[in-house]
N, C-alpha and C. Protein backbone atom coordinates (compact mmCIF):
# COMPACT_ATOMS: atom_id res chain seq x y z
N UNK A 1 -14.88 -10.46 -2.68
CA UNK A 1 -13.67 -10.52 -1.89
C UNK A 1 -12.50 -10.93 -2.80
N UNK A 2 -11.34 -10.40 -2.50
CA UNK A 2 -10.13 -10.67 -3.29
C UNK A 2 -9.72 -12.14 -3.15
N UNK A 3 -8.94 -12.59 -4.11
CA UNK A 3 -8.37 -13.93 -4.05
C UNK A 3 -7.02 -13.84 -3.36
N UNK A 4 -6.80 -14.69 -2.38
CA UNK A 4 -5.57 -14.66 -1.60
C UNK A 4 -4.74 -15.88 -1.96
N UNK A 5 -3.56 -15.63 -2.47
CA UNK A 5 -2.70 -16.71 -2.96
C UNK A 5 -2.09 -17.50 -1.82
N UNK A 6 -1.66 -18.71 -2.16
CA UNK A 6 -0.94 -19.54 -1.21
C UNK A 6 0.33 -18.82 -0.75
N UNK A 7 1.00 -18.14 -1.67
CA UNK A 7 2.20 -17.38 -1.31
C UNK A 7 1.88 -16.32 -0.26
N UNK A 8 0.80 -15.56 -0.46
CA UNK A 8 0.43 -14.50 0.47
C UNK A 8 0.17 -15.08 1.87
N UNK A 9 -0.53 -16.19 1.92
CA UNK A 9 -0.83 -16.82 3.21
C UNK A 9 0.47 -17.28 3.88
N UNK A 10 1.39 -17.87 3.13
CA UNK A 10 2.66 -18.30 3.71
C UNK A 10 3.49 -17.11 4.18
N UNK A 11 3.47 -16.03 3.42
CA UNK A 11 4.19 -14.81 3.79
C UNK A 11 3.65 -14.27 5.11
N UNK A 12 2.34 -14.22 5.24
CA UNK A 12 1.76 -13.73 6.48
C UNK A 12 1.96 -14.70 7.65
N UNK A 13 2.03 -15.99 7.36
CA UNK A 13 2.34 -16.96 8.42
C UNK A 13 3.75 -16.71 8.95
N UNK A 14 4.68 -16.41 8.06
CA UNK A 14 6.04 -16.11 8.49
C UNK A 14 6.06 -14.86 9.36
N UNK A 15 5.32 -13.83 8.97
CA UNK A 15 5.23 -12.60 9.76
C UNK A 15 4.60 -12.89 11.13
N UNK A 16 3.53 -13.65 11.14
CA UNK A 16 2.85 -14.02 12.39
C UNK A 16 3.83 -14.70 13.34
N UNK A 17 4.65 -15.59 12.81
CA UNK A 17 5.60 -16.31 13.66
C UNK A 17 6.64 -15.36 14.27
N UNK A 18 6.95 -14.27 13.58
CA UNK A 18 7.89 -13.29 14.13
C UNK A 18 7.27 -12.51 15.29
N UNK A 19 5.96 -12.34 15.28
CA UNK A 19 5.28 -11.67 16.38
C UNK A 19 5.08 -12.60 17.58
N UNK A 20 5.11 -13.88 17.34
CA UNK A 20 4.86 -14.88 18.38
C UNK A 20 6.12 -15.05 19.23
N UNK A 21 6.31 -14.15 20.18
CA UNK A 21 7.57 -14.09 20.92
C UNK A 21 7.83 -15.32 21.79
N UNK A 22 6.78 -16.01 22.22
CA UNK A 22 7.00 -17.20 23.05
C UNK A 22 6.86 -18.50 22.25
N UNK A 23 6.67 -18.38 20.95
CA UNK A 23 6.66 -19.53 20.02
C UNK A 23 5.65 -20.62 20.41
N UNK A 24 4.45 -20.17 20.82
CA UNK A 24 3.41 -21.13 21.18
C UNK A 24 2.31 -21.23 20.11
N UNK A 25 2.57 -20.66 18.94
CA UNK A 25 1.64 -20.68 17.79
C UNK A 25 0.39 -19.85 18.02
N UNK A 26 0.43 -19.01 19.03
CA UNK A 26 -0.65 -18.07 19.30
C UNK A 26 0.02 -16.75 19.66
N UNK A 27 -0.65 -15.65 19.33
CA UNK A 27 -0.10 -14.38 19.78
C UNK A 27 -1.11 -13.69 20.68
N UNK A 28 -0.57 -12.93 21.59
CA UNK A 28 -1.37 -12.14 22.51
C UNK A 28 -1.05 -10.67 22.27
N UNK A 29 -1.82 -9.84 22.89
CA UNK A 29 -1.56 -8.40 22.80
C UNK A 29 -0.14 -8.12 23.29
N UNK A 30 0.29 -8.84 24.31
CA UNK A 30 1.63 -8.64 24.86
C UNK A 30 2.71 -9.04 23.87
N UNK A 31 2.45 -10.06 23.06
CA UNK A 31 3.43 -10.44 22.03
C UNK A 31 3.61 -9.29 21.04
N UNK A 32 2.51 -8.74 20.57
CA UNK A 32 2.55 -7.70 19.54
C UNK A 32 3.03 -6.37 20.12
N UNK A 33 2.56 -6.07 21.31
CA UNK A 33 2.89 -4.78 21.94
C UNK A 33 3.84 -4.97 23.11
N UNK A 34 4.78 -5.89 22.95
CA UNK A 34 5.73 -6.18 24.03
C UNK A 34 6.37 -4.88 24.53
N UNK A 35 6.23 -4.62 25.83
CA UNK A 35 6.83 -3.39 26.37
C UNK A 35 8.33 -3.33 26.04
N UNK A 36 8.71 -2.21 25.48
CA UNK A 36 10.13 -2.02 25.18
C UNK A 36 10.62 -2.72 23.93
N UNK A 37 9.73 -3.34 23.16
CA UNK A 37 10.16 -4.04 21.95
C UNK A 37 11.01 -3.14 21.08
N UNK A 38 10.63 -1.89 20.97
CA UNK A 38 11.35 -0.94 20.13
C UNK A 38 12.31 -0.05 20.92
N UNK A 39 11.99 0.19 22.18
CA UNK A 39 12.74 1.17 22.97
C UNK A 39 14.20 0.80 23.16
N UNK A 40 14.51 -0.50 23.18
CA UNK A 40 15.91 -0.87 23.44
C UNK A 40 16.82 -0.64 22.23
N UNK A 41 16.24 -0.36 21.08
CA UNK A 41 17.11 -0.13 19.91
C UNK A 41 16.83 1.18 19.19
N UNK A 42 15.69 1.77 19.44
CA UNK A 42 15.36 3.04 18.81
C UNK A 42 15.27 4.11 19.89
N UNK A 43 15.42 5.36 19.52
CA UNK A 43 15.27 6.41 20.53
C UNK A 43 13.83 6.34 21.06
N UNK A 44 13.63 6.83 22.26
CA UNK A 44 12.33 6.69 22.93
C UNK A 44 11.19 7.33 22.14
N UNK A 45 11.42 8.47 21.52
CA UNK A 45 10.36 9.11 20.73
C UNK A 45 9.97 8.22 19.56
N UNK A 46 10.97 7.69 18.85
CA UNK A 46 10.68 6.83 17.71
C UNK A 46 9.98 5.55 18.16
N UNK A 47 10.42 4.99 19.28
CA UNK A 47 9.78 3.79 19.81
C UNK A 47 8.33 4.06 20.17
N UNK A 48 8.06 5.21 20.77
CA UNK A 48 6.69 5.56 21.14
C UNK A 48 5.80 5.69 19.90
N UNK A 49 6.34 6.24 18.81
CA UNK A 49 5.58 6.35 17.57
C UNK A 49 5.21 4.97 17.03
N UNK A 50 6.18 4.06 17.03
CA UNK A 50 5.90 2.71 16.55
C UNK A 50 4.92 1.98 17.46
N UNK A 51 5.07 2.14 18.75
CA UNK A 51 4.15 1.47 19.67
C UNK A 51 2.72 1.97 19.46
N UNK A 52 2.55 3.26 19.20
CA UNK A 52 1.20 3.81 18.98
C UNK A 52 0.58 3.24 17.70
N UNK A 53 1.36 3.14 16.64
CA UNK A 53 0.81 2.62 15.39
C UNK A 53 0.52 1.12 15.51
N UNK A 54 1.33 0.40 16.28
CA UNK A 54 1.05 -1.02 16.49
C UNK A 54 -0.17 -1.23 17.38
N UNK A 55 -0.43 -0.30 18.27
CA UNK A 55 -1.65 -0.36 19.08
C UNK A 55 -2.88 -0.28 18.16
N UNK A 56 -2.84 0.63 17.20
CA UNK A 56 -3.93 0.75 16.24
C UNK A 56 -4.04 -0.51 15.40
N UNK A 57 -2.90 -1.05 14.98
CA UNK A 57 -2.91 -2.30 14.19
C UNK A 57 -3.54 -3.43 15.01
N UNK A 58 -3.22 -3.48 16.29
CA UNK A 58 -3.81 -4.52 17.14
C UNK A 58 -5.34 -4.42 17.12
N UNK A 59 -5.83 -3.22 17.29
CA UNK A 59 -7.28 -3.02 17.34
C UNK A 59 -7.95 -3.39 16.02
N UNK A 60 -7.31 -3.10 14.91
CA UNK A 60 -7.91 -3.34 13.59
C UNK A 60 -7.79 -4.79 13.13
N UNK A 61 -6.62 -5.37 13.33
CA UNK A 61 -6.31 -6.64 12.67
C UNK A 61 -6.17 -7.84 13.60
N UNK A 62 -6.00 -7.59 14.89
CA UNK A 62 -5.78 -8.71 15.81
C UNK A 62 -6.94 -8.90 16.78
N UNK A 63 -7.38 -7.82 17.44
CA UNK A 63 -8.45 -7.96 18.43
C UNK A 63 -9.68 -8.66 17.85
N UNK A 64 -10.10 -8.37 16.60
CA UNK A 64 -11.27 -9.08 16.07
C UNK A 64 -11.08 -10.59 15.96
N UNK A 65 -9.84 -11.05 16.01
CA UNK A 65 -9.56 -12.48 15.90
C UNK A 65 -9.33 -13.15 17.25
N UNK A 66 -9.41 -12.38 18.33
CA UNK A 66 -9.15 -12.93 19.66
C UNK A 66 -10.16 -14.01 20.04
N UNK A 67 -9.64 -15.03 20.70
CA UNK A 67 -10.49 -16.03 21.35
C UNK A 67 -9.98 -16.17 22.78
N UNK A 68 -10.87 -16.57 23.66
CA UNK A 68 -10.48 -16.71 25.06
C UNK A 68 -10.28 -18.18 25.38
N UNK A 69 -9.13 -18.48 25.97
CA UNK A 69 -8.82 -19.84 26.39
C UNK A 69 -9.48 -20.14 27.73
N UNK A 70 -9.50 -21.41 28.09
CA UNK A 70 -10.11 -21.81 29.36
C UNK A 70 -9.44 -21.13 30.55
N UNK A 71 -8.16 -20.84 30.43
CA UNK A 71 -7.44 -20.19 31.54
C UNK A 71 -7.67 -18.68 31.56
N UNK A 72 -8.51 -18.17 30.65
CA UNK A 72 -8.86 -16.76 30.64
C UNK A 72 -8.01 -15.90 29.72
N UNK A 73 -6.90 -16.45 29.22
CA UNK A 73 -6.05 -15.66 28.32
C UNK A 73 -6.75 -15.44 26.99
N UNK A 74 -6.56 -14.24 26.44
CA UNK A 74 -7.08 -13.93 25.12
C UNK A 74 -5.93 -14.09 24.14
N UNK A 75 -6.14 -14.91 23.12
CA UNK A 75 -5.09 -15.21 22.15
C UNK A 75 -5.64 -15.08 20.74
N UNK A 76 -4.71 -14.96 19.81
CA UNK A 76 -5.04 -14.92 18.39
C UNK A 76 -4.29 -16.07 17.74
N UNK A 77 -5.03 -16.90 17.03
CA UNK A 77 -4.39 -17.96 16.25
C UNK A 77 -4.15 -17.46 14.84
N UNK A 78 -3.25 -18.12 14.14
CA UNK A 78 -2.99 -17.71 12.78
C UNK A 78 -4.25 -17.82 11.93
N UNK A 79 -4.97 -18.92 12.05
CA UNK A 79 -6.17 -19.10 11.22
C UNK A 79 -7.20 -18.01 11.46
N UNK A 80 -7.40 -17.63 12.72
CA UNK A 80 -8.34 -16.56 13.02
C UNK A 80 -7.87 -15.22 12.49
N UNK A 81 -6.57 -14.95 12.65
CA UNK A 81 -5.99 -13.69 12.20
C UNK A 81 -6.04 -13.56 10.68
N UNK A 82 -5.74 -14.64 9.98
CA UNK A 82 -5.72 -14.57 8.51
C UNK A 82 -7.14 -14.34 7.99
N UNK A 83 -8.14 -14.91 8.64
CA UNK A 83 -9.52 -14.69 8.20
C UNK A 83 -9.93 -13.23 8.41
N UNK A 84 -9.52 -12.63 9.52
CA UNK A 84 -9.80 -11.21 9.74
C UNK A 84 -9.12 -10.38 8.65
N UNK A 85 -7.85 -10.68 8.36
CA UNK A 85 -7.14 -9.93 7.33
C UNK A 85 -7.82 -10.06 5.97
N UNK A 86 -8.29 -11.23 5.65
CA UNK A 86 -8.99 -11.42 4.37
C UNK A 86 -10.24 -10.54 4.29
N UNK A 87 -10.91 -10.35 5.42
CA UNK A 87 -12.14 -9.56 5.43
C UNK A 87 -11.89 -8.06 5.42
N UNK A 88 -10.84 -7.62 6.11
CA UNK A 88 -10.68 -6.17 6.29
C UNK A 88 -9.59 -5.54 5.42
N UNK A 89 -8.71 -6.34 4.83
CA UNK A 89 -7.54 -5.79 4.15
C UNK A 89 -7.90 -4.78 3.06
N UNK A 90 -8.96 -5.03 2.33
CA UNK A 90 -9.31 -4.15 1.22
C UNK A 90 -10.42 -3.16 1.56
N UNK A 91 -10.73 -3.01 2.85
CA UNK A 91 -11.70 -1.99 3.24
C UNK A 91 -11.03 -0.62 3.19
N UNK A 92 -11.83 0.41 3.09
CA UNK A 92 -11.29 1.78 3.03
C UNK A 92 -10.48 2.11 4.28
N UNK A 93 -10.98 1.75 5.45
CA UNK A 93 -10.28 2.04 6.70
C UNK A 93 -8.92 1.37 6.74
N UNK A 94 -8.87 0.12 6.34
CA UNK A 94 -7.61 -0.62 6.33
C UNK A 94 -6.64 -0.02 5.32
N UNK A 95 -7.12 0.32 4.15
CA UNK A 95 -6.23 0.89 3.13
C UNK A 95 -5.68 2.25 3.57
N UNK A 96 -6.50 3.04 4.24
CA UNK A 96 -6.01 4.32 4.76
C UNK A 96 -4.94 4.10 5.83
N UNK A 97 -5.18 3.14 6.72
CA UNK A 97 -4.20 2.83 7.76
C UNK A 97 -2.90 2.33 7.14
N UNK A 98 -3.02 1.42 6.18
CA UNK A 98 -1.83 0.85 5.55
C UNK A 98 -1.11 1.86 4.66
N UNK A 99 -1.78 2.92 4.26
CA UNK A 99 -1.11 3.98 3.50
C UNK A 99 -0.18 4.77 4.42
N UNK A 100 -0.55 4.94 5.69
CA UNK A 100 0.26 5.69 6.66
C UNK A 100 1.28 4.84 7.39
N UNK A 101 0.97 3.56 7.59
CA UNK A 101 1.78 2.65 8.40
C UNK A 101 3.26 2.64 8.01
N UNK A 102 3.60 2.46 6.74
CA UNK A 102 5.02 2.43 6.39
C UNK A 102 5.74 3.77 6.60
N UNK A 103 5.06 4.87 6.37
CA UNK A 103 5.69 6.17 6.57
C UNK A 103 6.03 6.42 8.03
N UNK A 104 5.15 6.00 8.92
CA UNK A 104 5.42 6.13 10.36
C UNK A 104 6.62 5.26 10.72
N UNK A 105 6.66 4.06 10.17
CA UNK A 105 7.82 3.18 10.40
C UNK A 105 9.10 3.85 9.87
N UNK A 106 9.02 4.41 8.68
CA UNK A 106 10.20 5.05 8.09
C UNK A 106 10.73 6.14 9.03
N UNK A 107 9.85 6.99 9.49
CA UNK A 107 10.27 8.09 10.36
C UNK A 107 10.94 7.58 11.63
N UNK A 108 10.46 6.45 12.16
CA UNK A 108 11.04 5.89 13.37
C UNK A 108 12.37 5.19 13.09
N UNK A 109 12.47 4.52 11.96
CA UNK A 109 13.67 3.74 11.64
C UNK A 109 14.82 4.64 11.16
N UNK A 110 14.50 5.75 10.53
CA UNK A 110 15.52 6.69 10.04
C UNK A 110 16.09 7.45 11.24
N UNK A 111 16.94 6.78 11.98
CA UNK A 111 17.44 7.31 13.26
C UNK A 111 18.17 8.63 13.12
N UNK A 112 18.96 8.77 12.07
CA UNK A 112 19.74 10.01 11.91
C UNK A 112 18.98 11.09 11.14
N UNK A 113 17.74 10.79 10.77
CA UNK A 113 16.84 11.75 10.12
C UNK A 113 17.44 12.37 8.86
N UNK A 114 18.16 11.53 8.08
CA UNK A 114 18.75 12.04 6.83
C UNK A 114 17.89 11.72 5.61
N UNK A 115 16.70 11.16 5.83
CA UNK A 115 15.78 10.91 4.72
C UNK A 115 16.02 9.60 4.00
N UNK A 116 16.87 8.75 4.55
CA UNK A 116 17.10 7.42 3.97
C UNK A 116 17.46 6.46 5.09
N UNK A 117 17.29 5.19 4.82
CA UNK A 117 17.57 4.17 5.83
C UNK A 117 18.80 3.39 5.40
N UNK A 118 19.76 3.36 6.30
CA UNK A 118 20.99 2.59 6.05
C UNK A 118 20.73 1.12 6.38
N UNK A 119 21.64 0.28 5.95
CA UNK A 119 21.50 -1.14 6.26
C UNK A 119 21.53 -1.37 7.76
N UNK A 120 22.33 -0.60 8.48
CA UNK A 120 22.40 -0.72 9.94
C UNK A 120 21.07 -0.32 10.58
N UNK A 121 20.49 0.78 10.16
CA UNK A 121 19.20 1.22 10.70
C UNK A 121 18.12 0.17 10.43
N UNK A 122 18.14 -0.39 9.24
CA UNK A 122 17.14 -1.40 8.89
C UNK A 122 17.32 -2.66 9.73
N UNK A 123 18.57 -3.05 9.96
CA UNK A 123 18.86 -4.23 10.78
C UNK A 123 18.35 -4.03 12.21
N UNK A 124 18.49 -2.81 12.74
CA UNK A 124 17.97 -2.54 14.09
C UNK A 124 16.45 -2.66 14.13
N UNK A 125 15.79 -2.17 13.10
CA UNK A 125 14.33 -2.28 13.01
C UNK A 125 13.90 -3.74 13.01
N UNK A 126 14.54 -4.55 12.16
CA UNK A 126 14.13 -5.96 12.08
C UNK A 126 14.55 -6.76 13.30
N UNK A 127 15.55 -6.27 14.02
CA UNK A 127 15.96 -6.92 15.26
C UNK A 127 14.79 -6.99 16.23
N UNK A 128 13.89 -6.00 16.18
CA UNK A 128 12.70 -5.98 17.04
C UNK A 128 11.82 -7.20 16.80
N UNK A 129 11.94 -7.79 15.64
CA UNK A 129 11.13 -8.97 15.29
C UNK A 129 11.96 -10.26 15.33
N UNK A 130 13.15 -10.18 15.89
CA UNK A 130 13.99 -11.36 16.01
C UNK A 130 14.71 -11.75 14.74
N UNK A 131 14.84 -10.82 13.81
CA UNK A 131 15.51 -11.10 12.54
C UNK A 131 17.01 -10.82 12.72
N UNK A 132 17.82 -11.78 12.33
CA UNK A 132 19.27 -11.64 12.48
C UNK A 132 19.83 -10.62 11.49
N UNK A 133 21.03 -10.09 11.79
CA UNK A 133 21.65 -9.14 10.84
C UNK A 133 21.83 -9.75 9.44
N UNK A 134 22.20 -11.02 9.35
CA UNK A 134 22.37 -11.65 8.04
C UNK A 134 21.05 -11.70 7.28
N UNK A 135 19.98 -12.05 7.99
CA UNK A 135 18.66 -12.10 7.35
C UNK A 135 18.19 -10.70 6.97
N UNK A 136 18.49 -9.72 7.82
CA UNK A 136 18.04 -8.36 7.50
C UNK A 136 18.76 -7.82 6.27
N UNK A 137 19.97 -8.30 6.03
CA UNK A 137 20.71 -7.88 4.84
C UNK A 137 20.00 -8.33 3.57
N UNK A 138 19.46 -9.53 3.59
CA UNK A 138 18.69 -10.04 2.44
C UNK A 138 17.47 -9.15 2.20
N UNK A 139 16.77 -8.82 3.28
CA UNK A 139 15.58 -7.98 3.16
C UNK A 139 15.96 -6.57 2.69
N UNK A 140 17.03 -6.02 3.24
CA UNK A 140 17.48 -4.68 2.86
C UNK A 140 17.75 -4.63 1.35
N UNK A 141 18.48 -5.61 0.85
CA UNK A 141 18.82 -5.63 -0.58
C UNK A 141 17.58 -5.77 -1.46
N UNK A 142 16.58 -6.47 -0.99
CA UNK A 142 15.34 -6.61 -1.76
C UNK A 142 14.59 -5.27 -1.82
N UNK A 143 14.56 -4.55 -0.70
CA UNK A 143 13.83 -3.27 -0.65
C UNK A 143 14.58 -2.14 -1.35
N UNK A 144 15.90 -2.25 -1.42
CA UNK A 144 16.72 -1.24 -2.10
C UNK A 144 16.63 -1.50 -3.61
N UNK A 145 15.49 -1.16 -4.18
CA UNK A 145 15.19 -1.54 -5.56
C UNK A 145 16.07 -0.84 -6.59
N UNK A 146 16.65 0.31 -6.25
CA UNK A 146 17.53 0.98 -7.22
C UNK A 146 19.01 0.67 -6.94
N UNK A 147 19.26 -0.20 -5.96
CA UNK A 147 20.61 -0.70 -5.67
C UNK A 147 21.62 0.40 -5.37
N UNK A 148 21.19 1.44 -4.63
CA UNK A 148 22.13 2.51 -4.30
C UNK A 148 22.70 2.38 -2.88
N UNK A 149 22.41 1.27 -2.21
CA UNK A 149 22.98 1.04 -0.88
C UNK A 149 22.22 1.69 0.25
N UNK A 150 21.04 2.20 -0.03
CA UNK A 150 20.18 2.78 1.00
C UNK A 150 18.73 2.61 0.57
N UNK A 151 17.85 2.70 1.54
CA UNK A 151 16.42 2.60 1.24
C UNK A 151 15.83 4.00 1.36
N UNK A 152 15.31 4.50 0.25
CA UNK A 152 14.67 5.82 0.27
C UNK A 152 13.31 5.70 0.94
N UNK A 153 12.76 6.84 1.28
CA UNK A 153 11.42 6.86 1.86
C UNK A 153 10.42 6.17 0.93
N UNK A 154 10.50 6.46 -0.37
CA UNK A 154 9.55 5.86 -1.31
C UNK A 154 9.74 4.34 -1.42
N UNK A 155 10.99 3.88 -1.46
CA UNK A 155 11.23 2.43 -1.49
C UNK A 155 10.66 1.75 -0.26
N UNK A 156 10.84 2.39 0.90
CA UNK A 156 10.35 1.83 2.15
C UNK A 156 8.82 1.79 2.17
N UNK A 157 8.20 2.89 1.78
CA UNK A 157 6.73 2.96 1.77
C UNK A 157 6.17 1.95 0.76
N UNK A 158 6.75 1.89 -0.42
CA UNK A 158 6.29 0.92 -1.41
C UNK A 158 6.42 -0.50 -0.87
N UNK A 159 7.56 -0.79 -0.25
CA UNK A 159 7.78 -2.12 0.31
C UNK A 159 6.77 -2.46 1.39
N UNK A 160 6.52 -1.50 2.29
CA UNK A 160 5.57 -1.73 3.37
C UNK A 160 4.16 -1.97 2.87
N UNK A 161 3.74 -1.19 1.90
CA UNK A 161 2.39 -1.38 1.33
C UNK A 161 2.32 -2.70 0.57
N UNK A 162 3.33 -2.96 -0.22
CA UNK A 162 3.32 -4.16 -1.05
C UNK A 162 3.39 -5.44 -0.22
N UNK A 163 3.98 -5.35 0.98
CA UNK A 163 4.00 -6.54 1.84
C UNK A 163 2.58 -7.06 2.05
N UNK A 164 1.67 -6.16 2.33
CA UNK A 164 0.30 -6.56 2.65
C UNK A 164 -0.54 -6.87 1.42
N UNK A 165 -0.27 -6.20 0.31
CA UNK A 165 -1.19 -6.31 -0.83
C UNK A 165 -0.70 -7.17 -1.99
N UNK A 166 0.60 -7.40 -2.11
CA UNK A 166 1.09 -8.23 -3.22
C UNK A 166 0.82 -9.70 -2.93
N UNK A 167 0.17 -10.35 -3.86
CA UNK A 167 -0.17 -11.76 -3.68
C UNK A 167 0.93 -12.70 -4.16
N UNK A 168 1.91 -12.15 -4.85
CA UNK A 168 3.05 -12.95 -5.32
C UNK A 168 4.34 -12.26 -4.88
N UNK A 169 5.45 -12.93 -5.06
CA UNK A 169 6.75 -12.43 -4.63
C UNK A 169 7.06 -11.08 -5.26
N UNK A 170 7.47 -10.14 -4.42
CA UNK A 170 7.89 -8.80 -4.85
C UNK A 170 8.92 -8.31 -3.84
N UNK A 171 9.64 -7.22 -4.14
CA UNK A 171 10.58 -6.70 -3.14
C UNK A 171 9.90 -6.43 -1.78
N UNK A 172 8.67 -5.95 -1.79
CA UNK A 172 7.96 -5.68 -0.55
C UNK A 172 7.68 -6.92 0.28
N UNK A 173 7.75 -8.08 -0.33
CA UNK A 173 7.53 -9.32 0.41
C UNK A 173 8.53 -9.47 1.55
N UNK A 174 9.66 -8.78 1.44
CA UNK A 174 10.73 -8.89 2.43
C UNK A 174 10.69 -7.79 3.48
N UNK A 175 9.63 -7.00 3.52
CA UNK A 175 9.58 -5.84 4.40
C UNK A 175 9.88 -6.20 5.86
N UNK A 176 9.39 -7.32 6.33
CA UNK A 176 9.63 -7.75 7.71
C UNK A 176 10.68 -8.86 7.77
N UNK A 177 11.53 -8.93 6.78
CA UNK A 177 12.61 -9.91 6.76
C UNK A 177 12.26 -11.10 5.90
N UNK A 178 13.27 -11.97 5.70
CA UNK A 178 13.05 -13.17 4.89
C UNK A 178 11.99 -14.07 5.49
N UNK A 179 11.47 -14.94 4.69
CA UNK A 179 10.41 -15.85 5.10
C UNK A 179 10.98 -17.02 5.87
N UNK A 180 10.16 -17.52 6.75
CA UNK A 180 10.43 -18.78 7.43
C UNK A 180 9.30 -19.70 7.00
N UNK A 181 9.52 -20.44 5.93
CA UNK A 181 8.43 -21.21 5.33
C UNK A 181 7.92 -22.30 6.23
N UNK A 182 8.72 -22.74 7.18
CA UNK A 182 8.27 -23.79 8.08
C UNK A 182 7.57 -23.23 9.31
N UNK A 183 7.34 -21.92 9.32
CA UNK A 183 6.73 -21.26 10.50
C UNK A 183 5.30 -21.76 10.70
């Protein structure tokens, strides 16, 4: 099994906290697949594409970590989720999924279909995760590795893949916005 750095765990904790819409330190299927999470800012077709890929992500990376509370709710804790990720991240199925995941996101986020993502389009995408426009600007600049004021498809895909696999700080570390280290 791969070695997972303290940085990687903190990065994923920050991401987990962005999915935790009610801030109770647990996530549910409803947190991750919140109805309309994407529809209010992306066109309906693009939102449907993202919702479908997140449904698959739920089944692969979250459902195996579910525990049932006394009140019957099924929840995922960070510790359970991180252990599942450690086990499945480098499997062939996970790597194939993560190879496609950023491209599907790119197609949904590129609202004007011009083959690149503007800072405004990226800010709308991160808004779905509660990231402010100022914070999304930091992430946008990190992913725009050639500093041309836009994120190309390749920059976006590299960033999305690197978010999950880079164990140390890289431009992809900002794919879902800046870190909240106290999360």
